[in-house]
Amino acid sequence: MRTASTLTLALAAFHKHLEVHGDFNHYAGIVSLHGMTRLATGTGDEKLIEEARLQLMPYVQGERDFYANFPNYLCGGNATAWMYYKGLLPEAEAAVRKYAEEILHDAARTPEGILTHPRLPGENVIWIDVAFAVTPFLLFAGLALGEDAYIEEAFQQTHKMVEVFRDPENGLLHQSLNMRGPGHRSEDHWSRGNGWGALAMAELAAYLPKDHPRKKEAVAMYLDHIRACAAFPDADGLWHQEMTDHDHSYAETSGTGLMLYALGLGIEAGVVTDDERERFTHGLKGLLGYISEDTDIFHTCRGCLCPGQGTILEYRATPPVRNDVHAFGPVVLAMGQGHLLGITQL
């Protein structure tokens, strides 16, 4: 296996996303922007910070209009809220507040208060991907603006979804409920779905203030999920499309990248012990095996929301795609987190 710089890989994946897909105007692009801003602020590199600002300003200024399940994507989503929270994008104050208020007061919900699919009104469709969509955004917005209601909603959205989707037999998450009719739950343990949940839980565990009343619950929820996921990587440290079945499903890079990022953030925040660093590094090396010298990224599941009837077989049968739009952001996040932890070379 070749060696490579984690910083070089993270930046190359970010720019490859732009090269292959032309822009970041997709929720998967929001993931790439999220990774870029975390790397820029973590390194303190002025050139990276300025590049992040230049990429985000058209979103902040309302110059981007694209298909978005949740309106906060339109202002740059988590990346914009993060940069505003860090004091590096003061121009975003009005946009961050506007979309946080829309989520809090106008978004459709189930009777239990979980955000539903906005394009399927009245059907109470919920899916774990929403944890990434809204939890970090509301958390950083609340911390920056001093709005406790945003922070509480950030916690509640992920906590309630975990309660619905957690499989008590193995601690992993299913993806969706009610997508194929009332009461229908997908049977999967899909890697990217578990990665979406892991990312949201990691942000809560890492960034809720130590004295916040939800801190202990958030850390416990995160640790429960991270420990459950730790039982399922393959020998190379990668999680598979159906996490519980290595024999019949492929190693899947987007879910792997998201879960590695969540593990690495937990290490950085001191929420998990530093002896997990070896497992984290091993996973990064395994992920490198699916990235070419030209930063083509392989084995990424295409868009996947309860395929067919949501059986394990149907998730397993959803094919991987080279340079899928979902491929790049998780690599930016995972490799960037490696760099921030001092793992500079793989």
Protein backbone atom coordinates (compact mmCIF):
# COMPACT_ATOMS: atom_id res chain seq x y z
CA MET A 1 0.00 0.00 0.00
CA ARG A 2 1.30 3.47 -0.86
CA THR A 3 1.95 6.16 1.71
CA ALA A 4 0.26 9.55 1.63
CA SER A 5 -0.17 12.73 3.63
CA THR A 6 -3.52 13.00 5.41
CA LEU A 7 -3.60 16.77 4.78
CA THR A 8 -2.91 16.27 1.08
CA LEU A 9 -5.60 13.60 0.85
CA ALA A 10 -8.21 15.76 2.60
CA LEU A 11 -7.56 18.76 0.37
CA ALA A 12 -7.35 16.64 -2.77
CA ALA A 13 -10.73 15.03 -2.00
CA PHE A 14 -12.28 18.47 -1.47
CA HIS A 15 -11.03 19.78 -4.80
CA LYS A 16 -11.85 16.51 -6.58
CA HIS A 17 -15.47 16.90 -5.49
CA LEU A 18 -15.53 20.27 -7.21
CA GLU A 19 -13.76 18.91 -10.30
CA VAL A 20 -16.08 15.93 -10.75
CA HIS A 21 -19.41 17.47 -9.75
CA GLY A 22 -18.89 21.12 -10.64
CA ASP A 23 -20.16 22.65 -7.40
CA PHE A 24 -21.20 21.81 -3.84
CA ASN A 25 -24.92 22.42 -4.45
CA HIS A 26 -26.09 19.11 -3.00
CA TYR A 27 -26.34 17.84 0.55
CA ALA A 28 -23.26 15.70 -0.11
CA GLY A 29 -21.46 18.90 -1.10
CA ILE A 30 -22.41 20.29 2.28
CA VAL A 31 -20.47 17.38 3.80
CA SER A 32 -17.37 18.33 1.81
CA LEU A 33 -17.71 21.94 2.94
CA HIS A 34 -18.12 20.76 6.53
CA GLY A 35 -14.87 18.81 6.28
CA MET A 36 -13.02 21.70 4.69
CA THR A 37 -14.05 24.20 7.35
CA ARG A 38 -13.11 21.84 10.17
CA LEU A 39 -9.67 21.38 8.64
CA ALA A 40 -9.22 25.09 8.00
CA THR A 41 -10.11 26.15 11.53
CA GLY A 42 -8.27 23.26 13.14
CA THR A 43 -5.01 24.12 11.40
CA GLY A 44 -5.50 27.86 11.63
CA ASP A 45 -4.09 28.11 8.11
CA GLU A 46 -5.10 31.54 6.81
CA LYS A 47 -5.15 30.40 3.18
CA LEU A 48 -7.47 27.50 3.97
CA ILE A 49 -9.70 29.74 6.07
CA GLU A 50 -9.95 32.22 3.23
CA GLU A 51 -10.72 29.44 0.73
CA ALA A 52 -13.46 28.18 3.03
CA ARG A 53 -14.90 31.68 3.34
CA LEU A 54 -14.86 32.18 -0.44
CA GLN A 55 -16.69 28.89 -0.96
CA LEU A 56 -19.32 29.69 1.67
CA MET A 57 -20.06 33.34 0.96
CA PRO A 58 -22.31 32.69 -2.09
CA TYR A 59 -24.44 30.43 0.13
CA VAL A 60 -24.52 32.99 2.94
CA GLN A 61 -25.53 35.70 0.48
CA GLY A 62 -28.40 33.62 -0.88
CA GLU A 63 -26.85 33.15 -4.32
CA ARG A 64 -27.25 29.36 -4.32
CA ASP A 65 -30.56 27.68 -5.04
CA PHE A 66 -30.71 23.90 -5.34
CA TYR A 67 -32.74 20.87 -4.35
CA ALA A 68 -32.44 20.66 -0.58
CA ASN A 69 -34.46 18.59 1.86
CA PHE A 70 -33.70 21.09 4.60
CA PRO A 71 -33.40 24.83 4.00
CA ASN A 72 -30.28 25.30 6.13
CA TYR A 73 -28.33 23.60 3.32
CA LEU A 74 -29.00 26.71 1.24
CA CYS A 75 -26.80 28.86 3.49
CA GLY A 76 -24.00 26.27 3.56
CA GLY A 77 -25.38 24.12 6.37
CA ASN A 78 -23.08 22.85 9.12
CA ALA A 79 -19.99 24.46 7.58
CA THR A 80 -21.49 27.94 7.76
CA ALA A 81 -22.75 27.48 11.31
CA TRP A 82 -19.33 26.17 12.34
CA MET A 83 -17.42 29.06 10.76
CA TYR A 84 -19.82 31.55 12.34
CA TYR A 85 -19.40 29.85 15.73
CA LYS A 86 -15.61 30.11 15.37
CA GLY A 87 -15.88 33.83 14.63
CA LEU A 88 -14.57 33.48 11.08
CA LEU A 89 -17.75 34.19 9.14
CA PRO A 90 -19.56 37.03 10.92
CA GLU A 91 -21.49 37.77 7.72
CA ALA A 92 -23.48 34.58 8.33
CA GLU A 93 -25.30 35.71 11.49
CA ALA A 94 -28.62 36.55 9.84
CA ALA A 95 -28.66 33.41 7.66
CA VAL A 96 -27.74 31.10 10.54
CA ARG A 97 -30.46 32.55 12.75
CA LYS A 98 -33.03 32.51 9.94
CA TYR A 99 -32.60 28.83 9.15
CA ALA A 100 -32.30 27.77 12.78
CA GLU A 101 -35.61 29.50 13.43
CA GLU A 102 -37.19 27.79 10.41
CA ILE A 103 -36.09 24.38 11.65
CA LEU A 104 -37.27 25.10 15.17
CA HIS A 105 -40.66 26.57 14.34
CA ASP A 106 -41.71 25.66 10.78
CA ALA A 107 -40.31 22.22 9.89
CA ALA A 108 -42.76 19.31 9.72
CA ARG A 109 -42.54 16.81 12.57
CA THR A 110 -43.95 13.51 13.70
CA PRO A 111 -46.20 13.55 16.78
CA GLU A 112 -43.05 12.65 18.77
CA GLY A 113 -41.27 15.76 17.46
CA ILE A 114 -38.88 14.14 14.98
CA LEU A 115 -38.32 16.06 11.76
CA THR A 116 -40.01 14.34 8.83
CA HIS A 117 -39.27 14.20 5.13
CA PRO A 118 -40.44 17.63 3.93
CA ARG A 119 -41.35 16.31 0.49
CA LEU A 120 -43.60 13.59 1.90
CA PRO A 121 -46.00 15.65 4.01
CA GLY A 122 -48.28 13.78 6.36
CA GLU A 123 -46.52 10.43 5.93
CA ASN A 124 -44.27 10.78 9.01
CA VAL A 125 -41.22 9.49 7.13
CA ILE A 126 -38.09 9.80 9.24
CA TRP A 127 -34.54 8.78 8.38
CA ILE A 128 -31.25 8.88 10.26
CA ASP A 129 -29.53 11.02 7.61
CA VAL A 130 -31.35 14.00 9.16
CA ALA A 131 -29.06 13.75 12.19
CA PHE A 132 -26.25 15.12 10.03
CA ALA A 133 -28.55 17.65 8.38
CA VAL A 134 -29.73 19.52 11.45
CA THR A 135 -27.95 18.54 14.67
CA PRO A 136 -24.51 20.12 14.08
CA PHE A 137 -26.12 23.18 12.47
CA LEU A 138 -28.42 23.81 15.42
CA LEU A 139 -25.70 23.03 17.95
CA PHE A 140 -23.21 25.50 16.52
CA ALA A 141 -25.93 28.09 15.88
CA GLY A 142 -27.07 27.79 19.48
CA LEU A 143 -23.56 28.03 20.89
CA ALA A 144 -22.75 31.06 18.72
CA LEU A 145 -25.99 32.92 19.27
CA GLY A 146 -26.58 31.98 22.90
CA GLU A 147 -29.87 30.26 22.02
CA ASP A 148 -30.46 27.33 24.38
CA ALA A 149 -33.54 26.27 22.41
CA TYR A 150 -31.40 25.55 19.35
CA ILE A 151 -29.00 23.43 21.42
CA GLU A 152 -31.83 21.47 23.02
CA GLU A 153 -33.38 20.82 19.62
CA ALA A 154 -29.99 19.65 18.30
CA PHE A 155 -29.83 17.08 21.09
CA GLN A 156 -33.45 16.02 20.83
CA GLN A 157 -33.44 15.35 17.10
CA THR A 158 -30.55 12.89 17.25
CA HIS A 159 -31.55 11.39 20.60
CA LYS A 160 -35.11 10.68 19.46
CA MET A 161 -33.95 9.16 16.18
CA VAL A 162 -31.46 6.92 17.97
CA GLU A 163 -34.25 5.71 20.25
CA VAL A 164 -36.35 4.82 17.19
CA PHE A 165 -33.61 3.29 15.04
CA ARG A 166 -31.26 1.54 17.48
CA ASP A 167 -31.26 -2.24 17.07
CA PRO A 168 -31.18 -3.65 20.62
CA GLU A 169 -29.45 -6.83 19.45
CA ASN A 170 -26.27 -5.14 18.22
CA GLY A 171 -26.54 -1.42 19.00
CA LEU A 172 -26.43 -0.39 15.33
CA LEU A 173 -28.92 1.92 13.63
CA HIS A 174 -31.55 1.23 10.99
CA GLN A 175 -32.07 3.96 8.42
CA SER A 176 -35.77 4.71 8.00
CA LEU A 177 -39.30 4.41 9.36
CA ASN A 178 -42.60 4.74 7.45
CA MET A 179 -40.86 5.07 4.06
CA ARG A 180 -42.80 2.09 2.68
CA GLY A 181 -45.99 2.60 4.64
CA PRO A 182 -47.04 3.26 8.23
CA GLY A 183 -44.93 1.35 10.74
CA HIS A 184 -42.50 0.02 8.12
CA ARG A 185 -38.91 0.03 9.37
CA SER A 186 -35.95 -0.73 7.12
CA GLU A 187 -34.07 -3.88 8.15
CA ASP A 188 -30.61 -2.58 7.34
CA HIS A 189 -27.50 -1.75 9.33
CA TRP A 190 -26.30 0.53 6.56
CA SER A 191 -22.80 1.93 6.90
CA ARG A 192 -23.52 5.48 5.75
CA GLY A 193 -26.66 5.67 7.89
CA ASN A 194 -24.69 4.62 10.94
CA GLY A 195 -22.06 7.16 9.93
CA TRP A 196 -24.62 9.98 9.79
CA GLY A 197 -25.71 9.10 13.30
CA ALA A 198 -22.13 8.77 14.55
CA LEU A 199 -21.19 12.19 13.20
CA ALA A 200 -24.10 13.95 14.89
CA MET A 201 -23.49 12.14 18.19
CA ALA A 202 -19.78 12.98 18.06
CA GLU A 203 -20.45 16.70 17.57
CA LEU A 204 -22.80 16.73 20.55
CA ALA A 205 -20.41 14.77 22.76
CA ALA A 206 -17.45 16.94 21.79
CA TYR A 207 -18.97 20.42 21.80
CA LEU A 208 -21.75 20.54 24.35
CA PRO A 209 -20.26 22.54 27.25
CA LYS A 210 -19.10 20.45 30.21
CA ASP A 211 -21.78 21.92 32.45
CA HIS A 212 -24.62 21.51 29.97
CA PRO A 213 -27.47 19.37 31.36
CA ARG A 214 -27.43 17.16 28.22
CA LYS A 215 -23.66 16.56 28.23
CA LYS A 216 -23.66 13.23 30.10
CA GLU A 217 -26.53 11.87 28.00
CA ALA A 218 -24.83 12.95 24.80
CA VAL A 219 -21.52 11.33 25.75
CA ALA A 220 -23.25 8.11 26.81
CA MET A 221 -25.22 7.97 23.54
CA TYR A 222 -22.07 8.54 21.51
CA LEU A 223 -20.03 5.93 23.39
CA ASP A 224 -22.79 3.35 23.07
CA HIS A 225 -22.85 3.81 19.31
CA ILE A 226 -19.08 3.96 18.81
CA ARG A 227 -18.62 0.79 20.85
CA ALA A 228 -21.35 -0.98 18.89
CA CYS A 229 -19.74 0.00 15.57
CA ALA A 230 -16.34 -1.18 16.83
CA ALA A 231 -17.54 -4.77 16.59
CA PHE A 232 -18.07 -4.65 12.81
CA PRO A 233 -15.10 -3.34 10.77
CA ASP A 234 -13.28 -5.81 8.54
CA ALA A 235 -9.59 -6.72 8.81
CA ASP A 236 -8.62 -3.52 6.98
CA GLY A 237 -10.62 -1.35 9.37
CA LEU A 238 -13.50 -0.60 6.98
CA TRP A 239 -17.22 -0.98 7.52
CA HIS A 240 -19.32 -2.66 4.87
CA GLN A 241 -22.49 -1.62 3.05
CA GLU A 242 -24.43 -3.96 5.35
CA MET A 243 -22.26 -3.70 8.42
CA THR A 244 -23.17 -7.11 9.82
CA ASP A 245 -22.36 -9.04 6.62
CA HIS A 246 -18.81 -8.95 5.30
CA ASP A 247 -19.26 -12.01 3.12
CA HIS A 248 -22.01 -10.63 0.88
CA SER A 249 -21.57 -6.84 0.98
CA TYR A 250 -18.72 -4.61 -0.11
CA ALA A 251 -16.46 -2.41 1.99
CA GLU A 252 -18.18 0.98 1.80
CA THR A 253 -16.07 4.14 1.90
CA SER A 254 -18.54 6.89 2.78
CA GLY A 255 -19.83 5.22 5.93
CA THR A 256 -16.29 4.30 6.87
CA GLY A 257 -15.13 7.90 6.48
CA LEU A 258 -17.98 9.27 8.57
CA MET A 259 -17.44 6.78 11.38
CA LEU A 260 -13.70 7.34 11.39
CA TYR A 261 -14.30 11.08 11.66
CA ALA A 262 -16.65 10.51 14.59
CA LEU A 263 -14.10 8.28 16.32
CA GLY A 264 -11.29 10.76 15.68
CA LEU A 265 -13.33 13.68 17.00
CA GLY A 266 -14.04 11.68 20.14
CA ILE A 267 -10.31 11.09 20.58
CA GLU A 268 -9.55 14.79 20.08
CA ALA A 269 -12.22 15.81 22.58
CA GLY A 270 -11.04 13.28 25.17
CA VAL A 271 -14.38 11.51 25.13
CA VAL A 272 -12.75 8.22 24.14
CA THR A 273 -9.33 7.15 25.36
CA ASP A 274 -6.23 7.72 23.29
CA ASP A 275 -5.66 3.98 22.91
CA GLU A 276 -8.37 4.12 20.20
CA ARG A 277 -5.88 6.05 18.05
CA GLU A 278 -4.43 2.79 16.69
CA ARG A 279 -7.84 1.64 15.48
CA PHE A 280 -8.49 5.05 13.97
CA THR A 281 -5.16 5.05 12.12
CA HIS A 282 -5.72 1.50 10.90
CA GLY A 283 -9.06 2.56 9.43
CA LEU A 284 -7.50 5.54 7.65
CA LYS A 285 -4.92 3.24 6.09
CA GLY A 286 -7.67 0.89 4.97
CA LEU A 287 -9.61 3.81 3.48
CA LEU A 288 -6.51 4.90 1.57
CA GLY A 289 -6.64 1.58 -0.26
CA TYR A 290 -9.82 2.75 -2.02
CA ILE A 291 -8.40 6.12 -3.13
CA SER A 292 -6.33 6.26 -6.31
CA GLU A 293 -3.26 8.40 -6.93
CA ASP A 294 -5.58 10.78 -8.84
CA THR A 295 -8.02 10.89 -5.88
CA ASP A 296 -10.65 8.75 -7.53
CA ILE A 297 -12.65 7.25 -4.66
CA PHE A 298 -14.10 3.77 -5.04
CA HIS A 299 -16.75 1.67 -3.29
CA THR A 300 -19.14 4.45 -2.32
CA CYS A 301 -22.81 3.56 -2.15
CA ARG A 302 -24.98 5.76 -4.36
CA GLY A 303 -28.02 7.59 -2.96
CA CYS A 304 -29.88 5.05 -0.86
CA LEU A 305 -33.09 5.66 1.08
CA CYS A 306 -34.86 2.42 1.91
CA PRO A 307 -34.33 0.66 -1.46
CA GLY A 308 -37.24 -1.57 -2.39
CA GLN A 309 -38.73 -2.77 0.87
CA GLY A 310 -35.62 -1.91 2.83
CA THR A 311 -34.45 -5.47 3.35
CA ILE A 312 -30.83 -6.30 4.10
CA LEU A 313 -30.65 -7.99 0.70
CA GLU A 314 -31.82 -4.83 -1.07
CA TYR A 315 -29.29 -2.66 0.74
CA ARG A 316 -26.56 -5.17 -0.10
CA ALA A 317 -27.60 -5.06 -3.75
CA THR A 318 -27.31 -1.26 -4.01
CA PRO A 319 -24.10 -0.95 -6.05
CA PRO A 320 -20.98 1.07 -5.28
CA VAL A 321 -20.03 3.95 -7.56
CA ARG A 322 -16.64 5.47 -8.36
CA ASN A 323 -16.54 9.17 -7.47
CA ASP A 324 -20.16 9.22 -6.37
CA VAL A 325 -21.24 12.60 -5.02
CA HIS A 326 -21.27 11.08 -1.51
CA ALA A 327 -17.67 9.88 -1.79
CA PHE A 328 -15.67 12.99 -1.09
CA GLY A 329 -16.98 14.66 2.06
CA PRO A 330 -16.37 11.68 4.34
CA VAL A 331 -12.80 11.43 3.10
CA VAL A 332 -12.25 15.17 3.71
CA LEU A 333 -13.62 14.75 7.24
CA ALA A 334 -11.73 11.56 8.12
CA MET A 335 -8.36 12.49 6.63
CA GLY A 336 -8.65 16.02 7.96
CA GLN A 337 -9.34 14.68 11.43
CA GLY A 338 -6.31 12.44 11.10
CA HIS A 339 -4.16 15.45 10.33
CA LEU A 340 -5.56 17.37 13.31
CA LEU A 341 -4.68 14.42 15.56
CA GLY A 342 -1.08 14.54 14.36
CA ILE A 343 -1.39 11.51 12.08
CA THR A 344 0.24 13.30 9.21
CA GLN A 345 1.40 10.34 7.12
CA LEU A 346 -0.23 7.02 6.31
